[in-house]
C-alpha atoms as a PDB file:
ATOM      1  CA  UNK A   1      -1.374-190.889 -63.571  1.00  0.00           C
ATOM      2  CA  UNK A   2       0.639-192.562 -61.372  1.00  0.00           C
ATOM      3  CA  UNK A   3       2.721-196.033 -61.740  1.00  0.00           C
ATOM      4  CA  UNK A   4       3.532-197.997 -58.377  1.00  0.00           C
ATOM      5  CA  UNK A   5       5.551-201.198 -57.521  1.00  0.00           C
ATOM      6  CA  UNK A   6       6.389-203.446 -55.076  1.00  0.00           C
ATOM      7  CA  UNK A   7       9.913-205.504 -55.246  1.00  0.00           C
ATOM      8  CA  UNK A   8      12.297-206.928 -52.806  1.00  0.00           C
ATOM      9  CA  UNK A   9      14.970-205.124 -51.731  1.00  0.00           C
ATOM     10  CA  UNK A  10      17.705-207.793 -53.133  1.00  0.00           C
ATOM     11  CA  UNK A  11      17.752-209.632 -56.050  1.00  0.00           C
ATOM     12  CA  UNK A  12      16.538-212.811 -56.401  1.00  0.00           C
ATOM     13  CA  UNK A  13      14.129-212.198 -53.542  1.00  0.00           C
ATOM     14  CA  UNK A  14      15.002-215.762 -52.056  1.00  0.00           C
ATOM     15  CA  UNK A  15      18.184-214.720 -50.933  1.00  0.00           C
ATOM     16  CA  UNK A  16      18.799-215.485 -46.870  1.00  0.00           C
ATOM     17  CA  UNK A  17      18.982-212.445 -45.033  1.00  0.00           C
ATOM     18  CA  UNK A  18      16.790-209.073 -44.233  1.00  0.00           C
ATOM     19  CA  UNK A  19      14.698-208.563 -47.105  1.00  0.00           C
ATOM     20  CA  UNK A  20      12.689-205.759 -47.327  1.00  0.00           C
ATOM     21  CA  UNK A  21       9.749-204.505 -49.911  1.00  0.00           C
ATOM     22  CA  UNK A  22      10.684-201.496 -51.148  1.00  0.00           C
ATOM     23  CA  UNK A  23       7.675-199.605 -52.219  1.00  0.00           C
ATOM     24  CA  UNK A  24       7.997-196.735 -55.356  1.00  0.00           C
ATOM     25  CA  UNK A  25       5.279-194.362 -56.642  1.00  0.00           C
ATOM     26  CA  UNK A  26       6.012-192.710 -59.886  1.00  0.00           C
ATOM     27  CA  UNK A  27       3.639-189.535 -61.020  1.00  0.00           C
ATOM     28  CA  UNK A  28       4.539-188.611 -64.509  1.00  0.00           C
ATOM     29  CA  UNK A  29       2.713-186.080 -67.028  1.00  0.00           C
ATOM     30  CA  UNK A  30       0.186-187.746 -68.868  1.00  0.00           C
ATOM     31  CA  UNK A  31       0.677-185.851 -72.100  1.00  0.00           C
ATOM     32  CA  UNK A  32       4.589-185.967 -72.390  1.00  0.00           C
ATOM     33  CA  UNK A  33       4.903-189.291 -69.985  1.00  0.00           C
ATOM     34  CA  UNK A  34       7.634-187.191 -68.278  1.00  0.00           C
ATOM     35  CA  UNK A  35       8.188-188.348 -64.790  1.00  0.00           C
ATOM     36  CA  UNK A  36       7.301-185.301 -62.614  1.00  0.00           C
ATOM     37  CA  UNK A  37       7.939-186.064 -59.088  1.00  0.00           C
ATOM     38  CA  UNK A  38       8.212-189.617 -56.986  1.00  0.00           C
ATOM     39  CA  UNK A  39       7.767-191.511 -53.871  1.00  0.00           C
ATOM     40  CA  UNK A  40      10.158-194.456 -52.512  1.00  0.00           C
ATOM     41  CA  UNK A  41      10.376-196.355 -49.054  1.00  0.00           C
ATOM     42  CA  UNK A  42      11.597-199.565 -48.088  1.00  0.00           C
ATOM     43  CA  UNK A  43      15.340-200.656 -46.885  1.00  0.00           C
ATOM     44  CA  UNK A  44      18.508-198.879 -47.139  1.00  0.00           C
ATOM     45  CA  UNK A  45      18.964-198.644 -50.132  1.00  0.00           C
ATOM     46  CA  UNK A  46      16.153-196.367 -50.625  1.00  0.00           C
ATOM     47  CA  UNK A  47      18.522-193.148 -50.451  1.00  0.00           C
ATOM     48  CA  UNK A  48      19.992-194.679 -54.019  1.00  0.00           C
ATOM     49  CA  UNK A  49      16.419-195.112 -55.494  1.00  0.00           C
ATOM     50  CA  UNK A  50      15.771-191.613 -54.753  1.00  0.00           C
ATOM     51  CA  UNK A  51      18.612-190.188 -56.111  1.00  0.00           C
ATOM     52  CA  UNK A  52      17.345-192.138 -59.262  1.00  0.00           C
ATOM     53  CA  UNK A  53      13.888-190.686 -59.492  1.00  0.00           C
ATOM     54  CA  UNK A  54      15.336-187.383 -58.848  1.00  0.00           C
ATOM     55  CA  UNK A  55      17.667-187.108 -61.821  1.00  0.00           C
ATOM     56  CA  UNK A  56      14.656-188.908 -63.697  1.00  0.00           C
ATOM     57  CA  UNK A  57      12.544-185.967 -63.003  1.00  0.00           C
END
């Protein structure tokens, strides 16, 4: 199974300035519910999100 999300890279998304959509896909094991990988793309904070996905996998 795969969970997907698209969110602005700033909160709230209406802040002035450069706002980019961040997109994430997290495949997980249906039996255990554990995350088995991930794909993140978007703005400058993408590297931080990748580190979080790696720690959760």
